[in-house]
Amino acid sequence: MHPVTRFAPSPTGRLHLGHAFSALAAHDFARERDGTFLLRIEDIDPGRSRLEHVDAILEDLIWLGLEWDGEMIYQSERLDLYAAALDQLKAAGLVYPCFCTRADIAASVAAPHGPDGPVYPGTCRGLVDRDLSRPHAWRLDMTKALPVFSRGRGSMPNWMDDDKEIIATPEAFGDIVLARKDAPASYHLAVTVDDAAQGVTDIVRGQDLFAATHVHRLLQALLDLPTPRYHHHGLLTGADGSRLAKRHGAPTIASLREAGADPAALVAAMRRGEYPAGYSLVEAEGPDP
């Protein structure tokens, strides 16, 4: 099989070294196998996405010497694909409108914590009066979705993570949002649809997204989409041991460039498992099959 990988950053800030590590991993996976490396801009968050950050992403990747194949795509230009997927789930009776606010959910004593934070308690799941003129999100009804691929019919959906077979257990996420009040699709829905539409065969990404794969695998099954192979890599951490993140002000690739770093030497060092002073790699823990 011709391998196809992708790097899919969100234009919500400047890229940091952790992004460079992940982009390099996906790039090299494809290049070492005579495959295709794609670039996708995940820009459907209207409150945080900025055009100037797209330009900065391209500048950083070019500086690092990472070339992508084909045309770069924007999620904001693919909304019809997400709407069609949501309509498919609506027709199957697997989603419902939700009128709750984040404050409503946080205040609920029946909201245990899951991988994404408080698990939605299902307040709107059984509503009879569904006035869709009011602002609302669309949630997956996990109580209906899981039986579609229940163990009684053979097995739950699975995926291959490197050389291990993983059984999906998405119920820990509860009734996830598939379309937000302020955005036409959630990360979970958009990334699942895009990876299938682009023919991505191998998803190379950080261990921090391993848990989300449980949801993506379920959506692939519900939408009858192919399942890529997954390769979750370790995460770079800073001097304080915390993983690099935009919201925590991680040093950017731009700051390395401004400090006079040699991009060829930087990339060569990362390929050898060497990182600038103060950075280290926390290897991904092997998932339990």
C-alpha atoms as a PDB file:
ATOM      1  CA  MET A   1       0.000   0.000   0.000  1.00  0.00           C
ATOM      2  CA  HIS A   2       1.253   3.460  -0.934  1.00  0.00           C
ATOM      3  CA  PRO A   3       1.623   5.255   2.432  1.00  0.00           C
ATOM      4  CA  VAL A   4      -0.003   8.652   2.893  1.00  0.00           C
ATOM      5  CA  THR A   5       0.655  10.731   6.012  1.00  0.00           C
ATOM      6  CA  ARG A   6      -0.361  14.253   6.961  1.00  0.00           C
ATOM      7  CA  PHE A   7       0.520  17.149   9.229  1.00  0.00           C
ATOM      8  CA  ALA A   8      -2.604  19.030  10.301  1.00  0.00           C
ATOM      9  CA  PRO A   9      -1.874  22.085  12.472  1.00  0.00           C
ATOM     10  CA  SER A  10      -4.454  24.569  13.706  1.00  0.00           C
ATOM     11  CA  PRO A  11      -3.638  28.230  12.894  1.00  0.00           C
ATOM     12  CA  THR A  12      -4.205  29.424  16.438  1.00  0.00           C
ATOM     13  CA  GLY A  13      -0.632  30.474  17.212  1.00  0.00           C
ATOM     14  CA  ARG A  14       2.986  29.971  16.201  1.00  0.00           C
ATOM     15  CA  LEU A  15       4.372  26.459  15.903  1.00  0.00           C
ATOM     16  CA  HIS A  16       6.796  25.250  18.586  1.00  0.00           C
ATOM     17  CA  LEU A  17       9.447  22.538  18.569  1.00  0.00           C
ATOM     18  CA  GLY A  18       6.890  19.879  19.473  1.00  0.00           C
ATOM     19  CA  HIS A  19       5.028  20.661  16.255  1.00  0.00           C
ATOM     20  CA  ALA A  20       8.300  20.456  14.340  1.00  0.00           C
ATOM     21  CA  PHE A  21       9.001  17.038  15.858  1.00  0.00           C
ATOM     22  CA  SER A  22       5.555  15.723  14.884  1.00  0.00           C
ATOM     23  CA  ALA A  23       5.704  17.189  11.377  1.00  0.00           C
ATOM     24  CA  LEU A  24       9.159  15.681  10.905  1.00  0.00           C
ATOM     25  CA  ALA A  25       7.951  12.272  12.097  1.00  0.00           C
ATOM     26  CA  ALA A  26       5.026  12.259   9.645  1.00  0.00           C
ATOM     27  CA  HIS A  27       7.203  13.627   6.843  1.00  0.00           C
ATOM     28  CA  ASP A  28       9.973  11.076   7.313  1.00  0.00           C
ATOM     29  CA  PHE A  29       7.541   8.168   7.671  1.00  0.00           C
ATOM     30  CA  ALA A  30       6.230   8.939   4.182  1.00  0.00           C
ATOM     31  CA  ARG A  31       9.581   9.783   2.586  1.00  0.00           C
ATOM     32  CA  GLU A  32      11.295   6.632   3.884  1.00  0.00           C
ATOM     33  CA  ARG A  33       8.564   4.548   2.223  1.00  0.00           C
ATOM     34  CA  ASP A  34       8.301   6.502  -1.040  1.00  0.00           C
ATOM     35  CA  GLY A  35       4.937   7.771   0.118  1.00  0.00           C
ATOM     36  CA  THR A  36       2.963  11.017   0.184  1.00  0.00           C
ATOM     37  CA  PHE A  37       3.094  13.716   2.857  1.00  0.00           C
ATOM     38  CA  LEU A  38       0.087  16.058   3.017  1.00  0.00           C
ATOM     39  CA  LEU A  39      -0.497  19.401   4.740  1.00  0.00           C
ATOM     40  CA  ARG A  40      -3.944  20.266   6.079  1.00  0.00           C
ATOM     41  CA  ILE A  41      -4.859  23.484   7.893  1.00  0.00           C
ATOM     42  CA  GLU A  42      -7.492  22.826  10.570  1.00  0.00           C
ATOM     43  CA  ASP A  43      -9.067  26.275  10.669  1.00  0.00           C
ATOM     44  CA  ILE A  44     -12.725  25.780  11.603  1.00  0.00           C
ATOM     45  CA  ASP A  45     -12.466  27.372  15.057  1.00  0.00           C
ATOM     46  CA  PRO A  46     -13.769  30.883  14.289  1.00  0.00           C
ATOM     47  CA  GLY A  47     -12.737  32.277  17.638  1.00  0.00           C
ATOM     48  CA  ARG A  48      -9.059  31.302  17.467  1.00  0.00           C
ATOM     49  CA  SER A  49      -7.971  30.687  13.862  1.00  0.00           C
ATOM     50  CA  ARG A  50      -6.008  33.500  12.228  1.00  0.00           C
ATOM     51  CA  LEU A  51      -4.831  33.883   8.623  1.00  0.00           C
ATOM     52  CA  GLU A  52      -1.490  35.289   9.751  1.00  0.00           C
ATOM     53  CA  HIS A  53      -0.810  32.050  11.618  1.00  0.00           C
ATOM     54  CA  VAL A  54      -1.284  30.083   8.388  1.00  0.00           C
ATOM     55  CA  ASP A  55       1.469  32.151   6.779  1.00  0.00           C
ATOM     56  CA  ALA A  56       3.644  31.535   9.836  1.00  0.00           C
ATOM     57  CA  ILE A  57       3.081  27.757   9.639  1.00  0.00           C
ATOM     58  CA  LEU A  58       4.219  27.707   6.021  1.00  0.00           C
ATOM     59  CA  GLU A  59       7.224  29.863   6.856  1.00  0.00           C
ATOM     60  CA  ASP A  60       8.255  27.513   9.661  1.00  0.00           C
ATOM     61  CA  LEU A  61       7.868  24.338   7.603  1.00  0.00           C
ATOM     62  CA  ILE A  62       9.821  25.790   4.702  1.00  0.00           C
ATOM     63  CA  TRP A  63      12.571  26.927   7.078  1.00  0.00           C
ATOM     64  CA  LEU A  64      12.775  23.390   8.449  1.00  0.00           C
ATOM     65  CA  GLY A  65      13.053  22.010   4.903  1.00  0.00           C
ATOM     66  CA  LEU A  66       9.820  19.973   5.126  1.00  0.00           C
ATOM     67  CA  GLU A  67       8.086  19.872   1.759  1.00  0.00           C
ATOM     68  CA  TRP A  68       4.548  18.567   1.364  1.00  0.00           C
ATOM     69  CA  ASP A  69       2.950  16.947  -1.655  1.00  0.00           C
ATOM     70  CA  GLY A  70       0.000  18.274  -3.615  1.00  0.00           C
ATOM     71  CA  GLU A  71      -2.211  21.175  -2.687  1.00  0.00           C
ATOM     72  CA  MET A  72      -2.543  22.291   0.902  1.00  0.00           C
ATOM     73  CA  ILE A  73      -6.176  22.134   2.004  1.00  0.00           C
ATOM     74  CA  TYR A  74      -8.202  24.162   4.477  1.00  0.00           C
ATOM     75  CA  GLN A  75     -10.928  22.636   6.624  1.00  0.00           C
ATOM     76  CA  SER A  76     -12.922  25.859   6.278  1.00  0.00           C
ATOM     77  CA  GLU A  77     -13.375  24.997   2.581  1.00  0.00           C
ATOM     78  CA  ARG A  78     -14.708  21.488   3.313  1.00  0.00           C
ATOM     79  CA  LEU A  79     -17.766  22.239   5.425  1.00  0.00           C
ATOM     80  CA  ASP A  80     -20.081  20.444   3.015  1.00  0.00           C
ATOM     81  CA  LEU A  81     -18.260  17.173   3.723  1.00  0.00           C
ATOM     82  CA  TYR A  82     -18.779  17.531   7.470  1.00  0.00           C
ATOM     83  CA  ALA A  83     -22.442  18.475   6.992  1.00  0.00           C
ATOM     84  CA  ALA A  84     -22.975  15.368   4.868  1.00  0.00           C
ATOM     85  CA  ALA A  85     -21.399  13.148   7.530  1.00  0.00           C
ATOM     86  CA  LEU A  86     -23.533  14.739  10.241  1.00  0.00           C
ATOM     87  CA  ASP A  87     -26.654  14.271   8.087  1.00  0.00           C
ATOM     88  CA  GLN A  88     -25.751  10.593   7.715  1.00  0.00           C
ATOM     89  CA  LEU A  89     -25.639  10.208  11.494  1.00  0.00           C
ATOM     90  CA  LYS A  90     -28.882  12.180  11.878  1.00  0.00           C
ATOM     91  CA  ALA A  91     -30.613   9.876   9.412  1.00  0.00           C
ATOM     92  CA  ALA A  92     -29.439   6.902  11.463  1.00  0.00           C
ATOM     93  CA  GLY A  93     -30.886   8.458  14.623  1.00  0.00           C
ATOM     94  CA  LEU A  94     -27.474   8.579  16.313  1.00  0.00           C
ATOM     95  CA  VAL A  95     -27.260  12.297  17.157  1.00  0.00           C
ATOM     96  CA  TYR A  96     -29.407  14.813  18.987  1.00  0.00           C
ATOM     97  CA  PRO A  97     -29.419  18.601  19.474  1.00  0.00           C
ATOM     98  CA  CYS A  98     -27.995  19.924  22.735  1.00  0.00           C
ATOM     99  CA  PHE A  99     -28.911  23.332  24.141  1.00  0.00           C
ATOM    100  CA  CYS A 100     -26.736  23.199  27.281  1.00  0.00           C
ATOM    101  CA  THR A 101     -23.968  25.675  27.971  1.00  0.00           C
ATOM    102  CA  ARG A 102     -20.550  24.740  29.316  1.00  0.00           C
ATOM    103  CA  ALA A 103     -21.577  26.271  32.629  1.00  0.00           C
ATOM    104  CA  ASP A 104     -24.653  24.014  32.716  1.00  0.00           C
ATOM    105  CA  ILE A 105     -22.484  20.943  32.225  1.00  0.00           C
ATOM    106  CA  ALA A 106     -19.835  22.022  34.715  1.00  0.00           C
ATOM    107  CA  ALA A 107     -22.521  22.632  37.339  1.00  0.00           C
ATOM    108  CA  SER A 108     -24.054  19.199  36.918  1.00  0.00           C
ATOM    109  CA  VAL A 109     -23.306  16.855  39.804  1.00  0.00           C
ATOM    110  CA  ALA A 110     -23.861  13.977  37.389  1.00  0.00           C
ATOM    111  CA  ALA A 111     -20.940  14.892  35.154  1.00  0.00           C
ATOM    112  CA  PRO A 112     -17.944  12.619  35.847  1.00  0.00           C
ATOM    113  CA  HIS A 113     -14.618  13.413  34.215  1.00  0.00           C
ATOM    114  CA  GLY A 114     -13.493  11.674  31.040  1.00  0.00           C
ATOM    115  CA  PRO A 115     -10.511  12.084  28.692  1.00  0.00           C
ATOM    116  CA  ASP A 116     -11.863  15.442  27.425  1.00  0.00           C
ATOM    117  CA  GLY A 117     -13.041  16.794  30.786  1.00  0.00           C
ATOM    118  CA  PRO A 118     -16.549  16.601  32.283  1.00  0.00           C
ATOM    119  CA  VAL A 119     -18.627  13.913  30.580  1.00  0.00           C
ATOM    120  CA  TYR A 120     -21.950  15.254  29.349  1.00  0.00           C
ATOM    121  CA  PRO A 121     -24.738  13.923  31.623  1.00  0.00           C
ATOM    122  CA  GLY A 122     -27.240  13.495  28.782  1.00  0.00           C
ATOM    123  CA  THR A 123     -29.543  16.339  29.807  1.00  0.00           C
ATOM    124  CA  CYS A 124     -30.862  16.968  26.278  1.00  0.00           C
ATOM    125  CA  ARG A 125     -30.815  13.351  25.111  1.00  0.00           C
ATOM    126  CA  GLY A 126     -34.490  12.728  25.759  1.00  0.00           C
ATOM    127  CA  LEU A 127     -35.907  16.195  25.071  1.00  0.00           C
ATOM    128  CA  VAL A 128     -39.239  16.199  23.265  1.00  0.00           C
ATOM    129  CA  ASP A 129     -39.365  19.965  22.623  1.00  0.00           C
ATOM    130  CA  ARG A 130     -36.384  20.564  20.320  1.00  0.00           C
ATOM    131  CA  ASP A 131     -36.628  24.133  19.070  1.00  0.00           C
ATOM    132  CA  LEU A 132     -33.792  24.209  16.535  1.00  0.00           C
ATOM    133  CA  SER A 133     -34.111  27.985  16.168  1.00  0.00           C
ATOM    134  CA  ARG A 134     -32.295  28.202  19.506  1.00  0.00           C
ATOM    135  CA  PRO A 135     -28.476  27.952  19.516  1.00  0.00           C
ATOM    136  CA  HIS A 136     -27.543  24.304  19.796  1.00  0.00           C
ATOM    137  CA  ALA A 137     -24.796  21.763  19.292  1.00  0.00           C
ATOM    138  CA  TRP A 138     -25.169  18.234  17.915  1.00  0.00           C
ATOM    139  CA  ARG A 139     -24.058  15.338  20.096  1.00  0.00           C
ATOM    140  CA  LEU A 140     -23.480  11.680  19.346  1.00  0.00           C
ATOM    141  CA  ASP A 141     -25.856   9.503  21.344  1.00  0.00           C
ATOM    142  CA  MET A 142     -23.317   7.041  22.696  1.00  0.00           C
ATOM    143  CA  THR A 143     -26.055   4.803  24.127  1.00  0.00           C
ATOM    144  CA  LYS A 144     -27.306   4.212  20.566  1.00  0.00           C
ATOM    145  CA  ALA A 145     -23.953   4.306  18.786  1.00  0.00           C
ATOM    146  CA  LEU A 146     -22.223   1.625  20.824  1.00  0.00           C
ATOM    147  CA  PRO A 147     -24.755  -1.168  20.207  1.00  0.00           C
ATOM    148  CA  VAL A 148     -24.278  -0.719  16.449  1.00  0.00           C
ATOM    149  CA  PHE A 149     -20.904  -2.387  16.916  1.00  0.00           C
ATOM    150  CA  SER A 150     -21.458  -4.177  20.185  1.00  0.00           C
ATOM    151  CA  ARG A 151     -19.500  -7.202  21.269  1.00  0.00           C
ATOM    152  CA  GLY A 152     -22.615  -9.253  20.706  1.00  0.00           C
ATOM    153  CA  ARG A 153     -22.137  -8.757  16.964  1.00  0.00           C
ATOM    154  CA  GLY A 154     -18.499  -9.893  17.026  1.00  0.00           C
ATOM    155  CA  SER A 155     -16.309  -7.193  18.487  1.00  0.00           C
ATOM    156  CA  MET A 156     -16.013  -3.477  19.018  1.00  0.00           C
ATOM    157  CA  PRO A 157     -14.123  -1.505  16.347  1.00  0.00           C
ATOM    158  CA  ASN A 158     -10.362  -1.826  16.653  1.00  0.00           C
ATOM    159  CA  TRP A 159      -7.275  -0.240  15.142  1.00  0.00           C
ATOM    160  CA  MET A 160      -3.592  -0.996  14.737  1.00  0.00           C
ATOM    161  CA  ASP A 161      -1.231   1.222  16.723  1.00  0.00           C
ATOM    162  CA  ASP A 162       2.202   0.346  15.381  1.00  0.00           C
ATOM    163  CA  ASP A 163       2.251  -3.428  15.919  1.00  0.00           C
ATOM    164  CA  LYS A 164      -0.511  -3.620  18.549  1.00  0.00           C
ATOM    165  CA  GLU A 165      -4.226  -4.138  18.042  1.00  0.00           C
ATOM    166  CA  ILE A 166      -6.303  -1.769  20.175  1.00  0.00           C
ATOM    167  CA  ILE A 167      -9.981  -2.276  20.993  1.00  0.00           C
ATOM    168  CA  ALA A 168     -11.875   1.004  20.923  1.00  0.00           C
ATOM    169  CA  THR A 169     -13.616   2.033  24.149  1.00  0.00           C
ATOM    170  CA  PRO A 170     -15.159   5.413  23.264  1.00  0.00           C
ATOM    171  CA  GLU A 171     -17.830   5.239  25.964  1.00  0.00           C
ATOM    172  CA  ALA A 172     -15.446   7.011  28.363  1.00  0.00           C
ATOM    173  CA  PHE A 173     -16.030  10.213  26.359  1.00  0.00           C
ATOM    174  CA  GLY A 174     -19.806  10.148  26.748  1.00  0.00           C
ATOM    175  CA  ASP A 175     -22.028  11.946  24.229  1.00  0.00           C
ATOM    176  CA  ILE A 176     -19.356  13.868  22.342  1.00  0.00           C
ATOM    177  CA  VAL A 177     -20.059  17.063  20.412  1.00  0.00           C
ATOM    178  CA  LEU A 178     -19.936  16.596  16.624  1.00  0.00           C
ATOM    179  CA  ALA A 179     -21.003  20.128  15.678  1.00  0.00           C
ATOM    180  CA  ARG A 180     -20.638  23.088  18.009  1.00  0.00           C
ATOM    181  CA  LYS A 181     -22.912  26.084  18.417  1.00  0.00           C
ATOM    182  CA  ASP A 182     -20.178  28.297  16.969  1.00  0.00           C
ATOM    183  CA  ALA A 183     -18.527  25.860  14.550  1.00  0.00           C
ATOM    184  CA  PRO A 184     -19.975  23.527  11.897  1.00  0.00           C
ATOM    185  CA  ALA A 185     -17.949  20.515  13.011  1.00  0.00           C
ATOM    186  CA  SER A 186     -15.955  19.359  15.995  1.00  0.00           C
ATOM    187  CA  TYR A 187     -12.334  18.251  15.809  1.00  0.00           C
ATOM    188  CA  HIS A 188     -13.423  14.625  16.132  1.00  0.00           C
ATOM    189  CA  LEU A 189     -15.812  14.720  13.180  1.00  0.00           C
ATOM    190  CA  ALA A 190     -13.711  16.895  10.873  1.00  0.00           C
ATOM    191  CA  VAL A 191     -10.467  14.966  11.310  1.00  0.00           C
ATOM    192  CA  THR A 192     -12.204  11.625  10.788  1.00  0.00           C
ATOM    193  CA  VAL A 193     -13.897  12.781   7.582  1.00  0.00           C
ATOM    194  CA  ASP A 194     -10.770  14.499   6.228  1.00  0.00           C
ATOM    195  CA  ASP A 195      -8.405  11.605   6.823  1.00  0.00           C
ATOM    196  CA  ALA A 196     -10.743   9.328   4.883  1.00  0.00           C
ATOM    197  CA  ALA A 197     -11.360  11.826   2.078  1.00  0.00           C
ATOM    198  CA  GLN A 198      -7.638  12.445   1.640  1.00  0.00           C
ATOM    199  CA  GLY A 199      -6.769   8.764   1.604  1.00  0.00           C
ATOM    200  CA  VAL A 200      -4.529   8.972   4.657  1.00  0.00           C
ATOM    201  CA  THR A 201      -3.198   5.481   5.377  1.00  0.00           C
ATOM    202  CA  ASP A 202      -0.911   6.210   8.339  1.00  0.00           C
ATOM    203  CA  ILE A 203      -1.580   8.789  11.031  1.00  0.00           C
ATOM    204  CA  VAL A 204       1.630   9.828  12.761  1.00  0.00           C
ATOM    205  CA  ARG A 205       0.855  12.069  15.735  1.00  0.00           C
ATOM    206  CA  GLY A 206       1.592  12.665  19.394  1.00  0.00           C
ATOM    207  CA  GLN A 207       0.690  10.388  22.295  1.00  0.00           C
ATOM    208  CA  ASP A 208      -1.528  13.188  23.625  1.00  0.00           C
ATOM    209  CA  LEU A 209      -4.052  12.273  20.892  1.00  0.00           C
ATOM    210  CA  PHE A 210      -4.031   8.535  21.564  1.00  0.00           C
ATOM    211  CA  ALA A 211      -7.225   8.683  23.656  1.00  0.00           C
ATOM    212  CA  ALA A 212      -9.062  10.592  20.903  1.00  0.00           C
ATOM    213  CA  THR A 213      -8.455   7.651  18.565  1.00  0.00           C
ATOM    214  CA  HIS A 214     -11.109   5.680  20.454  1.00  0.00           C
ATOM    215  CA  VAL A 215     -13.683   8.233  19.262  1.00  0.00           C
ATOM    216  CA  HIS A 216     -12.271   8.479  15.742  1.00  0.00           C
ATOM    217  CA  ARG A 217     -12.385   4.713  15.340  1.00  0.00           C
ATOM    218  CA  LEU A 218     -16.049   4.638  16.367  1.00  0.00           C
ATOM    219  CA  LEU A 219     -16.916   7.417  13.921  1.00  0.00           C
ATOM    220  CA  GLN A 220     -15.103   5.563  11.144  1.00  0.00           C
ATOM    221  CA  ALA A 221     -17.249   2.537  11.879  1.00  0.00           C
ATOM    222  CA  LEU A 222     -20.508   4.514  12.020  1.00  0.00           C
ATOM    223  CA  LEU A 223     -19.744   6.390   8.784  1.00  0.00           C
ATOM    224  CA  ASP A 224     -18.376   3.299   7.007  1.00  0.00           C
ATOM    225  CA  LEU A 225     -14.972   4.903   6.482  1.00  0.00           C
ATOM    226  CA  PRO A 226     -11.607   3.137   6.167  1.00  0.00           C
ATOM    227  CA  THR A 227      -9.365   2.871   9.219  1.00  0.00           C
ATOM    228  CA  PRO A 228      -5.786   4.130   8.884  1.00  0.00           C
ATOM    229  CA  ARG A 229      -2.865   2.644  10.766  1.00  0.00           C
ATOM    230  CA  TYR A 230      -1.856   4.772  13.752  1.00  0.00           C
ATOM    231  CA  HIS A 231       1.590   5.633  15.079  1.00  0.00           C
ATOM    232  CA  HIS A 232       1.545   7.687  18.273  1.00  0.00           C
ATOM    233  CA  HIS A 233       4.948   9.103  19.124  1.00  0.00           C
ATOM    234  CA  GLY A 234       6.385  10.515  22.326  1.00  0.00           C
ATOM    235  CA  LEU A 235       6.114  14.180  23.299  1.00  0.00           C
ATOM    236  CA  LEU A 236       8.764  16.839  23.691  1.00  0.00           C
ATOM    237  CA  THR A 237       8.894  18.525  27.076  1.00  0.00           C
ATOM    238  CA  GLY A 238      10.474  21.706  28.268  1.00  0.00           C
ATOM    239  CA  ALA A 239      12.930  22.297  31.097  1.00  0.00           C
ATOM    240  CA  ASP A 240      10.128  22.021  33.686  1.00  0.00           C
ATOM    241  CA  GLY A 241       9.104  18.598  32.383  1.00  0.00           C
ATOM    242  CA  SER A 242       5.728  19.729  31.008  1.00  0.00           C
ATOM    243  CA  ARG A 243       4.809  19.012  27.399  1.00  0.00           C
ATOM    244  CA  LEU A 244       5.066  21.879  24.961  1.00  0.00           C
ATOM    245  CA  ALA A 245       1.807  23.718  24.290  1.00  0.00           C
ATOM    246  CA  LYS A 246       0.779  26.987  22.661  1.00  0.00           C
ATOM    247  CA  ARG A 247      -1.410  27.951  25.595  1.00  0.00           C
ATOM    248  CA  HIS A 248       1.559  27.629  27.956  1.00  0.00           C
ATOM    249  CA  GLY A 249       3.731  29.914  25.843  1.00  0.00           C
ATOM    250  CA  ALA A 250       6.144  27.259  24.579  1.00  0.00           C
ATOM    251  CA  PRO A 251       9.133  28.748  22.720  1.00  0.00           C
ATOM    252  CA  THR A 252       8.321  28.967  19.030  1.00  0.00           C
ATOM    253  CA  ILE A 253      10.168  27.797  15.941  1.00  0.00           C
ATOM    254  CA  ALA A 254      10.291  31.467  14.962  1.00  0.00           C
ATOM    255  CA  SER A 255      12.227  32.237  18.147  1.00  0.00           C
ATOM    256  CA  LEU A 256      14.774  29.540  17.275  1.00  0.00           C
ATOM    257  CA  ARG A 257      15.128  31.026  13.819  1.00  0.00           C
ATOM    258  CA  GLU A 258      15.555  34.528  15.234  1.00  0.00           C
ATOM    259  CA  ALA A 259      18.220  33.207  17.612  1.00  0.00           C
ATOM    260  CA  GLY A 260      20.248  32.057  14.611  1.00  0.00           C
ATOM    261  CA  ALA A 261      19.563  28.295  14.778  1.00  0.00           C
ATOM    262  CA  ASP A 262      20.687  26.269  11.772  1.00  0.00           C
ATOM    263  CA  PRO A 263      17.552  24.487  10.486  1.00  0.00           C
ATOM    264  CA  ALA A 264      19.459  21.681   8.739  1.00  0.00           C
ATOM    265  CA  ALA A 265      21.476  20.982  11.892  1.00  0.00           C
ATOM    266  CA  LEU A 266      18.335  21.161  14.057  1.00  0.00           C
ATOM    267  CA  VAL A 267      16.452  18.648  11.886  1.00  0.00           C
ATOM    268  CA  ALA A 268      19.452  16.329  11.646  1.00  0.00           C
ATOM    269  CA  ALA A 269      19.828  16.396  15.437  1.00  0.00           C
ATOM    270  CA  MET A 270      16.141  15.593  16.019  1.00  0.00           C
ATOM    271  CA  ARG A 271      16.434  12.653  13.644  1.00  0.00           C
ATOM    272  CA  ARG A 272      19.260  11.384  15.865  1.00  0.00           C
ATOM    273  CA  GLY A 273      17.139  11.880  18.973  1.00  0.00           C
ATOM    274  CA  GLU A 274      18.987  15.026  20.078  1.00  0.00           C
ATOM    275  CA  TYR A 275      17.209  18.251  21.019  1.00  0.00           C
ATOM    276  CA  PRO A 276      18.159  21.807  21.973  1.00  0.00           C
ATOM    277  CA  ALA A 277      19.199  22.413  25.561  1.00  0.00           C
ATOM    278  CA  GLY A 278      16.239  22.211  27.937  1.00  0.00           C
ATOM    279  CA  TYR A 279      14.167  19.924  25.695  1.00  0.00           C
ATOM    280  CA  SER A 280      13.696  16.192  26.077  1.00  0.00           C
ATOM    281  CA  LEU A 281      11.493  13.470  24.629  1.00  0.00           C
ATOM    282  CA  VAL A 282       9.108  11.489  26.799  1.00  0.00           C
ATOM    283  CA  GLU A 283       8.592   8.248  24.935  1.00  0.00           C
ATOM    284  CA  ALA A 284       5.053   7.107  24.277  1.00  0.00           C
ATOM    285  CA  GLU A 285       3.871   4.404  26.644  1.00  0.00           C
ATOM    286  CA  GLY A 286       2.937   1.244  24.849  1.00  0.00           C
ATOM    287  CA  PRO A 287      -0.878   0.972  24.701  1.00  0.00           C
ATOM    288  CA  ASP A 288      -2.435  -2.123  26.160  1.00  0.00           C
ATOM    289  CA  PRO A 289      -4.006  -4.308  23.487  1.00  0.00           C
END
